[in-house]
Structures are given as C-alpha cells and as structure tokens.
Amino acid sequence: MKLYLDENLPPTLAVVLRSRGYNVVSAHEVGMRGKTDEEQLEYAAAQGRVLLTFNARHFAPLAKRYFEQGREHPGIVASTSVELRELVRLTTNLLERAKPEDLKNGFVWLQSYRGSG
C-alpha cells in the first residue's frame, strides 16, 4: 500500500516509515504544502495513495462528496493528534494489516488499528 501524509502530519513520519521499507511520502516533500484539502485528496488519488490526515473535520465531508459524485480515491485515514511514537506504531499497524481494497473510497480511523494483531 502507498501512503500520502497531508501537511498537518509531521514529515518525520514519512522518513521513519520509509526507513522501515514502506512507500510513504509527505505533502512537505512533494510540493503540496498550502494546497486545499480537495487538492490534497486529488493528488493522493492521482498517485494511487491512501491519504492520512489529522483533519477529519474537513476530510469526512470531502469523502462524502466524492462518494455522492461517484469519484474514486484509494482511501482516507484520519487520526486524532498523537505523539510521533504512537503515530508510527498505529501507521505501521495500518500498513501491515489493511488491504487496499478495504480502504478504497472509504473513510476510516487510524485508531481502529490500535491492536497488535
């Protein structure tokens, strides 16, 4: 699974996850800082990447609008703001356990991947 971190997530997360072999990029690294939420999702979708965000407030309605318009995206994963160590753990669980087909066009919480197995 390929993952895209929107700009409200620390770019360090992408560096840590890549060092563990995961395909992850940050908005900070690909020139997407300051873009709208819709532009963030469009970028992620065009790249075939699941979008990870702390901004559920804006991305939940955007996911609904995509659904209503019949537009597709690889998935949106939202998280409450947590410290980097916990974010790495939860995101690693997501990358290890989620199947792309389970996330496609969906909106899920990263915290649902809290468990270890």
Protein backbone atom coordinates (compact mmCIF):
# COMPACT_ATOMS: atom_id res chain seq x y z
CA MET A 1 0.00 0.00 0.00
CA LYS A 2 1.20 3.50 -0.82
CA LEU A 3 0.54 6.25 1.72
CA TYR A 4 0.37 10.04 1.43
CA LEU A 5 0.65 12.22 4.54
CA ASP A 6 -1.13 15.53 4.27
CA GLU A 7 0.64 18.63 5.51
CA ASN A 8 -0.69 18.54 9.08
CA LEU A 9 1.24 15.34 9.80
CA PRO A 10 4.93 15.57 10.72
CA PRO A 11 7.16 14.89 7.70
CA THR A 12 9.39 12.90 10.05
CA LEU A 13 6.71 10.19 9.98
CA ALA A 14 7.36 9.62 6.26
CA VAL A 15 11.12 9.38 6.87
CA VAL A 16 10.69 6.86 9.70
CA LEU A 17 8.24 4.70 7.76
CA ARG A 18 10.41 4.71 4.61
CA SER A 19 13.37 3.60 6.72
CA ARG A 20 11.23 0.56 7.59
CA GLY A 21 10.56 -0.18 3.92
CA TYR A 22 7.13 1.41 3.45
CA ASN A 23 6.12 3.50 0.43
CA VAL A 24 5.21 6.81 2.09
CA VAL A 25 5.51 10.44 1.02
CA SER A 26 4.64 13.66 2.80
CA ALA A 27 2.96 16.76 1.39
CA HIS A 28 6.05 18.59 2.66
CA GLU A 29 8.26 16.57 0.30
CA VAL A 30 6.21 16.78 -2.89
CA GLY A 31 5.37 20.49 -3.06
CA MET A 32 1.81 20.19 -1.72
CA ARG A 33 2.10 22.45 1.33
CA GLY A 34 -0.56 25.15 1.37
CA LYS A 35 -2.86 23.33 -1.06
CA THR A 36 -6.55 22.89 -0.32
CA ASP A 37 -7.92 19.69 1.18
CA GLU A 38 -9.51 18.84 -2.15
CA GLU A 39 -6.16 19.32 -3.90
CA GLN A 40 -4.53 17.07 -1.29
CA LEU A 41 -7.06 14.31 -1.97
CA GLU A 42 -6.82 14.77 -5.74
CA TYR A 43 -3.04 14.43 -5.52
CA ALA A 44 -3.26 11.30 -3.37
CA ALA A 45 -5.84 9.76 -5.72
CA ALA A 46 -3.78 10.57 -8.83
CA GLN A 47 -0.76 8.91 -7.20
CA GLY A 48 -2.76 5.88 -6.02
CA ARG A 49 -2.00 6.69 -2.39
CA VAL A 50 -4.17 6.39 0.70
CA LEU A 51 -4.32 9.79 2.41
CA LEU A 52 -3.52 10.04 6.13
CA THR A 53 -4.62 13.18 7.98
CA PHE A 54 -5.29 14.70 11.39
CA ASN A 55 -8.01 16.80 9.71
CA ALA A 56 -11.12 14.61 9.97
CA ARG A 57 -13.30 17.70 10.25
CA HIS A 58 -12.61 18.64 6.62
CA PHE A 59 -11.89 15.26 5.05
CA ALA A 60 -15.03 13.45 6.26
CA PRO A 61 -17.34 15.80 4.28
CA LEU A 62 -14.93 15.64 1.33
CA ALA A 63 -15.11 11.82 1.35
CA LYS A 64 -18.90 12.07 1.40
CA ARG A 65 -18.88 14.50 -1.52
CA TYR A 66 -16.59 12.20 -3.53
CA PHE A 67 -18.99 9.32 -2.86
CA GLU A 68 -22.03 11.35 -3.90
CA GLN A 69 -20.28 12.42 -7.11
CA GLY A 70 -19.14 8.88 -7.92
CA ARG A 71 -15.48 9.89 -7.72
CA GLU A 72 -12.94 7.35 -6.53
CA HIS A 73 -9.94 7.58 -4.23
CA PRO A 74 -7.68 4.98 -2.58
CA GLY A 75 -8.99 5.87 0.88
CA ILE A 76 -8.79 8.42 3.65
CA VAL A 77 -7.46 7.52 7.08
CA ALA A 78 -8.00 10.08 9.83
CA SER A 79 -6.34 10.23 13.21
CA THR A 80 -6.62 12.24 16.35
CA SER A 81 -3.44 14.14 17.08
CA VAL A 82 -1.00 11.83 18.84
CA GLU A 83 2.71 11.94 19.58
CA LEU A 84 5.10 10.71 16.89
CA ARG A 85 5.93 7.40 18.57
CA GLU A 86 2.24 6.40 18.75
CA LEU A 87 1.66 7.68 15.22
CA VAL A 88 4.47 5.46 13.93
CA ARG A 89 3.02 2.45 15.76
CA LEU A 90 -0.54 2.99 14.54
CA THR A 91 0.51 3.74 10.97
CA THR A 92 2.73 0.66 10.89
CA ASN A 93 -0.25 -1.42 12.06
CA LEU A 94 -2.34 0.12 9.26
CA LEU A 95 0.29 -0.61 6.63
CA GLU A 96 0.75 -4.18 7.84
CA ARG A 97 -2.91 -5.11 8.30
CA ALA A 98 -5.10 -3.06 5.97
CA LYS A 99 -5.81 -4.23 2.45
CA PRO A 100 -6.07 -1.56 -0.25
CA GLU A 101 -9.46 -2.90 -1.33
CA ASP A 102 -10.77 -2.43 2.23
CA LEU A 103 -9.80 1.25 2.23
CA LYS A 104 -10.79 2.16 -1.34
CA ASN A 105 -13.28 5.05 -1.36
CA GLY A 106 -13.57 4.76 2.42
CA PHE A 107 -13.02 6.94 5.46
CA VAL A 108 -11.58 5.12 8.48
CA TRP A 109 -9.94 5.98 11.78
CA LEU A 110 -6.27 5.16 12.31
CA GLN A 111 -7.10 4.36 15.93
CA SER A 112 -9.05 1.32 14.72
CA TYR A 113 -5.59 -0.20 14.07
CA ARG A 114 -4.55 0.18 17.69
CA GLY A 115 -4.44 -3.57 18.45
CA SER A 116 -1.39 -5.69 17.74
CA GLY A 117 -2.92 -8.37 15.57
